[in-house]
Amino acid sequence: MTSREDTHLFCGEITQTLMANIECWEEHSGDIFKELRKAIAGVADACANTAMRIIAGARATRRRSRR
């Protein structure tokens, strides 16, 4: 399994809500699950970090508009 920095779950503008569901199925056990867990953890981290940046930006915008 390869990892690419330019691979996205979603790339575009969102005005309301984005929800995603990633399901991975493998018939046999083995080393692929270790790599799969690592890749999914990377996606989860990227989503969490992006959400935190969006929330921080929204809070900063609200503070500026109150002035």
PDB file of N, CA and C in Angstrom:
ATOM      1  N   MET A   1       0.851  -1.164   0.000  1.00  0.00           N
ATOM      2  CA  MET A   1       0.000   0.000   0.000  1.00  0.00           C
ATOM      3  C   MET A   1       0.901   1.232   0.000  1.00  0.00           C
ATOM      4  N   THR A   2       0.598   2.160  -0.841  1.00  0.00           N
ATOM      5  CA  THR A   2       1.399   3.375  -0.915  1.00  0.00           C
ATOM      6  C   THR A   2       0.616   4.544  -0.333  1.00  0.00           C
ATOM      7  N   SER A   3       1.343   5.519   0.107  1.00  0.00           N
ATOM      8  CA  SER A   3       0.736   6.726   0.651  1.00  0.00           C
ATOM      9  C   SER A   3       1.086   7.883  -0.256  1.00  0.00           C
ATOM     10  N   ARG A   4       0.105   8.734  -0.562  1.00  0.00           N
ATOM     11  CA  ARG A   4       0.338   9.900  -1.413  1.00  0.00           C
ATOM     12  C   ARG A   4      -0.131  11.134  -0.683  1.00  0.00           C
ATOM     13  N   GLU A   5       0.728  12.123  -0.635  1.00  0.00           N
ATOM     14  CA  GLU A   5       0.382  13.371   0.033  1.00  0.00           C
ATOM     15  C   GLU A   5      -0.754  14.096  -0.680  1.00  0.00           C
ATOM     16  N   ASP A   6      -0.905  13.890  -1.990  1.00  0.00           N
ATOM     17  CA  ASP A   6      -1.912  14.623  -2.752  1.00  0.00           C
ATOM     18  C   ASP A   6      -3.221  13.857  -2.921  1.00  0.00           C
ATOM     19  N   THR A   7      -3.423  12.811  -2.156  1.00  0.00           N
ATOM     20  CA  THR A   7      -4.656  12.045  -2.211  1.00  0.00           C
ATOM     21  C   THR A   7      -5.617  12.601  -1.172  1.00  0.00           C
ATOM     22  N   HIS A   8      -6.864  12.834  -1.573  1.00  0.00           N
ATOM     23  CA  HIS A   8      -7.837  13.464  -0.691  1.00  0.00           C
ATOM     24  C   HIS A   8      -9.090  12.606  -0.565  1.00  0.00           C
ATOM     25  N   LEU A   9      -9.681  12.655   0.587  1.00  0.00           N
ATOM     26  CA  LEU A   9     -11.008  12.072   0.775  1.00  0.00           C
ATOM     27  C   LEU A   9     -12.030  12.967   0.086  1.00  0.00           C
ATOM     28  N   PHE A  10     -11.821  14.271   0.200  1.00  0.00           N
ATOM     29  CA  PHE A  10     -12.670  15.267  -0.457  1.00  0.00           C
ATOM     30  C   PHE A  10     -11.817  16.498  -0.704  1.00  0.00           C
ATOM     31  N   CYS A  11     -12.008  17.121  -1.839  1.00  0.00           N
ATOM     32  CA  CYS A  11     -11.287  18.352  -2.146  1.00  0.00           C
ATOM     33  C   CYS A  11     -12.280  19.301  -2.802  1.00  0.00           C
ATOM     34  N   GLY A  12     -12.631  20.371  -2.106  1.00  0.00           N
ATOM     35  CA  GLY A  12     -13.591  21.316  -2.640  1.00  0.00           C
ATOM     36  C   GLY A  12     -14.105  22.226  -1.556  1.00  0.00           C
ATOM     37  N   GLU A  13     -15.077  23.037  -1.887  1.00  0.00           N
ATOM     38  CA  GLU A  13     -15.657  23.973  -0.930  1.00  0.00           C
ATOM     39  C   GLU A  13     -16.869  23.348  -0.272  1.00  0.00           C
ATOM     40  N   ILE A  14     -16.991  23.564   1.020  1.00  0.00           N
ATOM     41  CA  ILE A  14     -18.128  23.052   1.780  1.00  0.00           C
ATOM     42  C   ILE A  14     -18.812  24.241   2.434  1.00  0.00           C
ATOM     43  N   THR A  15     -20.115  24.364   2.253  1.00  0.00           N
ATOM     44  CA  THR A  15     -20.834  25.473   2.876  1.00  0.00           C
ATOM     45  C   THR A  15     -21.637  25.029   4.092  1.00  0.00           C
ATOM     46  N   GLN A  16     -21.879  23.754   4.250  1.00  0.00           N
ATOM     47  CA  GLN A  16     -22.654  23.280   5.391  1.00  0.00           C
ATOM     48  C   GLN A  16     -21.919  22.163   6.117  1.00  0.00           C
ATOM     49  N   THR A  17     -22.127  20.942   5.717  1.00  0.00           N
ATOM     50  CA  THR A  17     -21.595  19.782   6.432  1.00  0.00           C
ATOM     51  C   THR A  17     -21.047  18.767   5.447  1.00  0.00           C
ATOM     52  N   LEU A  18     -19.959  18.147   5.819  1.00  0.00           N
ATOM     53  CA  LEU A  18     -19.403  17.043   5.041  1.00  0.00           C
ATOM     54  C   LEU A  18     -19.295  15.841   5.955  1.00  0.00           C
ATOM     55  N   MET A  19     -19.852  14.744   5.518  1.00  0.00           N
ATOM     56  CA  MET A  19     -19.748  13.493   6.263  1.00  0.00           C
ATOM     57  C   MET A  19     -19.180  12.444   5.317  1.00  0.00           C
ATOM     58  N   ALA A  20     -18.333  11.593   5.843  1.00  0.00           N
ATOM     59  CA  ALA A  20     -17.746  10.534   5.030  1.00  0.00           C
ATOM     60  C   ALA A  20     -17.726   9.236   5.825  1.00  0.00           C
ATOM     61  N   ASN A  21     -17.864   8.155   5.128  1.00  0.00           N
ATOM     62  CA  ASN A  21     -17.811   6.833   5.736  1.00  0.00           C
ATOM     63  C   ASN A  21     -16.834   5.995   4.919  1.00  0.00           C
ATOM     64  N   ILE A  22     -15.796   5.509   5.552  1.00  0.00           N
ATOM     65  CA  ILE A  22     -14.808   4.675   4.870  1.00  0.00           C
ATOM     66  C   ILE A  22     -14.939   3.261   5.411  1.00  0.00           C
ATOM     67  N   GLU A  23     -15.195   2.336   4.528  1.00  0.00           N
ATOM     68  CA  GLU A  23     -15.278   0.931   4.920  1.00  0.00           C
ATOM     69  C   GLU A  23     -14.229   0.155   4.149  1.00  0.00           C
ATOM     70  N   CYS A  24     -13.528  -0.710   4.853  1.00  0.00           N
ATOM     71  CA  CYS A  24     -12.493  -1.532   4.221  1.00  0.00           C
ATOM     72  C   CYS A  24     -12.748  -2.987   4.583  1.00  0.00           C
ATOM     73  N   TRP A  25     -12.773  -3.801   3.582  1.00  0.00           N
ATOM     74  CA  TRP A  25     -13.027  -5.224   3.784  1.00  0.00           C
ATOM     75  C   TRP A  25     -11.886  -6.025   3.178  1.00  0.00           C
ATOM     76  N   GLU A  26     -11.439  -6.999   3.905  1.00  0.00           N
ATOM     77  CA  GLU A  26     -10.380  -7.878   3.412  1.00  0.00           C
ATOM     78  C   GLU A  26     -10.746  -9.306   3.805  1.00  0.00           C
ATOM     79  N   GLU A  27     -10.689 -10.194   2.850  1.00  0.00           N
ATOM     80  CA  GLU A  27     -11.083 -11.577   3.092  1.00  0.00           C
ATOM     81  C   GLU A  27     -10.082 -12.322   3.969  1.00  0.00           C
ATOM     82  N   HIS A  28      -8.815 -12.014   3.809  1.00  0.00           N
ATOM     83  CA  HIS A  28      -7.773 -12.737   4.537  1.00  0.00           C
ATOM     84  C   HIS A  28      -7.079 -11.822   5.530  1.00  0.00           C
ATOM     85  N   SER A  29      -6.616 -12.411   6.614  1.00  0.00           N
ATOM     86  CA  SER A  29      -5.849 -11.607   7.569  1.00  0.00           C
ATOM     87  C   SER A  29      -4.394 -11.575   7.117  1.00  0.00           C
ATOM     88  N   GLY A  30      -3.637 -10.688   7.717  1.00  0.00           N
ATOM     89  CA  GLY A  30      -2.228 -10.594   7.366  1.00  0.00           C
ATOM     90  C   GLY A  30      -1.710  -9.186   7.572  1.00  0.00           C
ATOM     91  N   ASP A  31      -0.565  -8.913   6.979  1.00  0.00           N
ATOM     92  CA  ASP A  31       0.105  -7.633   7.150  1.00  0.00           C
ATOM     93  C   ASP A  31      -0.664  -6.457   6.558  1.00  0.00           C
ATOM     94  N   ILE A  32      -1.567  -6.722   5.637  1.00  0.00           N
ATOM     95  CA  ILE A  32      -2.299  -5.617   5.019  1.00  0.00           C
ATOM     96  C   ILE A  32      -3.102  -4.843   6.053  1.00  0.00           C
ATOM     97  N   PHE A  33      -3.574  -5.519   7.105  1.00  0.00           N
ATOM     98  CA  PHE A  33      -4.371  -4.822   8.103  1.00  0.00           C
ATOM     99  C   PHE A  33      -3.550  -3.790   8.873  1.00  0.00           C
ATOM    100  N   LYS A  34      -2.293  -4.086   9.118  1.00  0.00           N
ATOM    101  CA  LYS A  34      -1.422  -3.118   9.797  1.00  0.00           C
ATOM    102  C   LYS A  34      -1.283  -1.858   8.942  1.00  0.00           C
ATOM    103  N   GLU A  35      -1.037  -2.026   7.659  1.00  0.00           N
ATOM    104  CA  GLU A  35      -0.910  -0.882   6.748  1.00  0.00           C
ATOM    105  C   GLU A  35      -2.239  -0.164   6.572  1.00  0.00           C
ATOM    106  N   LEU A  36      -3.314  -0.924   6.525  1.00  0.00           N
ATOM    107  CA  LEU A  36      -4.646  -0.330   6.383  1.00  0.00           C
ATOM    108  C   LEU A  36      -5.000   0.518   7.600  1.00  0.00           C
ATOM    109  N   ARG A  37      -4.736  -0.002   8.797  1.00  0.00           N
ATOM    110  CA  ARG A  37      -4.989   0.769  10.019  1.00  0.00           C
ATOM    111  C   ARG A  37      -4.160   2.051  10.027  1.00  0.00           C
ATOM    112  N   LYS A  38      -2.924   1.953   9.592  1.00  0.00           N
ATOM    113  CA  LYS A  38      -2.045   3.128   9.544  1.00  0.00           C
ATOM    114  C   LYS A  38      -2.604   4.178   8.579  1.00  0.00           C
ATOM    115  N   ALA A  39      -3.063   3.739   7.413  1.00  0.00           N
ATOM    116  CA  ALA A  39      -3.620   4.667   6.419  1.00  0.00           C
ATOM    117  C   ALA A  39      -4.908   5.308   6.926  1.00  0.00           C
ATOM    118  N   ILE A  40      -5.778   4.532   7.533  1.00  0.00           N
ATOM    119  CA  ILE A  40      -7.037   5.067   8.047  1.00  0.00           C
ATOM    120  C   ILE A  40      -6.774   6.026   9.207  1.00  0.00           C
ATOM    121  N   ALA A  41      -5.793   5.723  10.041  1.00  0.00           N
ATOM    122  CA  ALA A  41      -5.430   6.639  11.126  1.00  0.00           C
ATOM    123  C   ALA A  41      -4.953   7.971  10.552  1.00  0.00           C
ATOM    124  N   GLY A  42      -4.225   7.932   9.450  1.00  0.00           N
ATOM    125  CA  GLY A  42      -3.787   9.159   8.796  1.00  0.00           C
ATOM    126  C   GLY A  42      -4.947   9.986   8.291  1.00  0.00           C
ATOM    127  N   VAL A  43      -5.941   9.333   7.715  1.00  0.00           N
ATOM    128  CA  VAL A  43      -7.144  10.032   7.241  1.00  0.00           C
ATOM    129  C   VAL A  43      -7.883  10.650   8.421  1.00  0.00           C
ATOM    130  N   ALA A  44      -8.031   9.892   9.497  1.00  0.00           N
ATOM    131  CA  ALA A  44      -8.727  10.406  10.684  1.00  0.00           C
ATOM    132  C   ALA A  44      -8.003  11.621  11.257  1.00  0.00           C
ATOM    133  N   ASP A  45      -6.682  11.560  11.338  1.00  0.00           N
ATOM    134  CA  ASP A  45      -5.906  12.703  11.841  1.00  0.00           C
ATOM    135  C   ASP A  45      -6.090  13.924  10.950  1.00  0.00           C
ATOM    136  N   ALA A  46      -6.041  13.722   9.647  1.00  0.00           N
ATOM    137  CA  ALA A  46      -6.209  14.845   8.716  1.00  0.00           C
ATOM    138  C   ALA A  46      -7.592  15.468   8.864  1.00  0.00           C
ATOM    139  N   CYS A  47      -8.617  14.648   9.005  1.00  0.00           N
ATOM    140  CA  CYS A  47      -9.983  15.165   9.190  1.00  0.00           C
ATOM    141  C   CYS A  47     -10.098  15.949  10.496  1.00  0.00           C
ATOM    142  N   ALA A  48      -9.540  15.415  11.570  1.00  0.00           N
ATOM    143  CA  ALA A  48      -9.610  16.096  12.865  1.00  0.00           C
ATOM    144  C   ALA A  48      -8.853  17.421  12.821  1.00  0.00           C
ATOM    145  N   ASN A  49      -7.678  17.424  12.230  1.00  0.00           N
ATOM    146  CA  ASN A  49      -6.890  18.656  12.136  1.00  0.00           C
ATOM    147  C   ASN A  49      -7.603  19.717  11.298  1.00  0.00           C
ATOM    148  N   THR A  50      -8.212  19.289  10.198  1.00  0.00           N
ATOM    149  CA  THR A  50      -8.951  20.221   9.343  1.00  0.00           C
ATOM    150  C   THR A  50     -10.150  20.794  10.096  1.00  0.00           C
ATOM    151  N   ALA A  51     -10.866  19.954  10.816  1.00  0.00           N
ATOM    152  CA  ALA A  51     -12.021  20.420  11.591  1.00  0.00           C
ATOM    153  C   ALA A  51     -11.584  21.440  12.636  1.00  0.00           C
ATOM    154  N   MET A  52     -10.460  21.206  13.300  1.00  0.00           N
ATOM    155  CA  MET A  52      -9.977  22.151  14.306  1.00  0.00           C
ATOM    156  C   MET A  52      -9.592  23.484  13.682  1.00  0.00           C
ATOM    157  N   ARG A  53      -8.992  23.456  12.478  1.00  0.00           N
ATOM    158  CA  ARG A  53      -8.651  24.705  11.788  1.00  0.00           C
ATOM    159  C   ARG A  53      -9.920  25.469  11.397  1.00  0.00           C
ATOM    160  N   ILE A  54     -10.933  24.755  10.939  1.00  0.00           N
ATOM    161  CA  ILE A  54     -12.193  25.396  10.548  1.00  0.00           C
ATOM    162  C   ILE A  54     -12.855  26.039  11.767  1.00  0.00           C
ATOM    163  N   ILE A  55     -12.897  25.314  12.877  1.00  0.00           N
ATOM    164  CA  ILE A  55     -13.502  25.843  14.098  1.00  0.00           C
ATOM    165  C   ILE A  55     -12.739  27.072  14.581  1.00  0.00           C
ATOM    166  N   ALA A  56     -11.420  26.993  14.579  1.00  0.00           N
ATOM    167  CA  ALA A  56     -10.602  28.135  15.012  1.00  0.00           C
ATOM    168  C   ALA A  56     -10.835  29.334  14.105  1.00  0.00           C
ATOM    169  N   GLY A  57     -10.945  29.120  12.812  1.00  0.00           N
ATOM    170  CA  GLY A  57     -11.206  30.206  11.868  1.00  0.00           C
ATOM    171  C   GLY A  57     -12.571  30.821  12.090  1.00  0.00           C
ATOM    172  N   ALA A  58     -13.577  30.003  12.369  1.00  0.00           N
ATOM    173  CA  ALA A  58     -14.934  30.513  12.617  1.00  0.00           C
ATOM    174  C   ALA A  58     -14.962  31.339  13.895  1.00  0.00           C
ATOM    175  N   ARG A  59     -14.254  30.877  14.920  1.00  0.00           N
ATOM    176  CA  ARG A  59     -14.214  31.632  16.175  1.00  0.00           C
ATOM    177  C   ARG A  59     -13.523  32.970  15.969  1.00  0.00           C
ATOM    178  N   ALA A  60     -12.434  32.990  15.224  1.00  0.00           N
ATOM    179  CA  ALA A  60     -11.720  34.235  14.959  1.00  0.00           C
ATOM    180  C   ALA A  60     -12.589  35.192  14.169  1.00  0.00           C
ATOM    181  N   THR A  61     -13.356  34.678  13.234  1.00  0.00           N
ATOM    182  CA  THR A  61     -14.253  35.518  12.433  1.00  0.00           C
ATOM    183  C   THR A  61     -15.333  36.135  13.305  1.00  0.00           C
ATOM    184  N   ARG A  62     -15.908  35.347  14.220  1.00  0.00           N
ATOM    185  CA  ARG A  62     -16.935  35.865  15.138  1.00  0.00           C
ATOM    186  C   ARG A  62     -16.366  36.946  16.044  1.00  0.00           C
ATOM    187  N   ARG A  63     -15.138  36.733  16.537  1.00  0.00           N
ATOM    188  CA  ARG A  63     -14.533  37.746  17.403  1.00  0.00           C
ATOM    189  C   ARG A  63     -14.309  39.049  16.657  1.00  0.00           C
ATOM    190  N   ARG A  64     -13.852  38.960  15.408  1.00  0.00           N
ATOM    191  CA  ARG A  64     -13.622  40.170  14.603  1.00  0.00           C
ATOM    192  C   ARG A  64     -14.930  40.892  14.319  1.00  0.00           C
ATOM    193  N   SER A  65     -15.998  40.137  14.087  1.00  0.00           N
ATOM    194  CA  SER A  65     -17.282  40.771  13.744  1.00  0.00           C
ATOM    195  C   SER A  65     -17.934  41.431  14.960  1.00  0.00           C
ATOM    196  N   ARG A  66     -17.558  41.033  16.153  1.00  0.00           N
ATOM    197  CA  ARG A  66     -18.119  41.628  17.383  1.00  0.00           C
ATOM    198  C   ARG A  66     -17.478  42.962  17.715  1.00  0.00           C
ATOM    199  N   ARG A  67     -16.350  43.255  17.123  1.00  0.00           N
ATOM    200  CA  ARG A  67     -15.620  44.496  17.442  1.00  0.00           C
ATOM    201  C   ARG A  67     -16.287  45.696  16.849  1.00  0.00           C
TER     202      ARG A  67
END
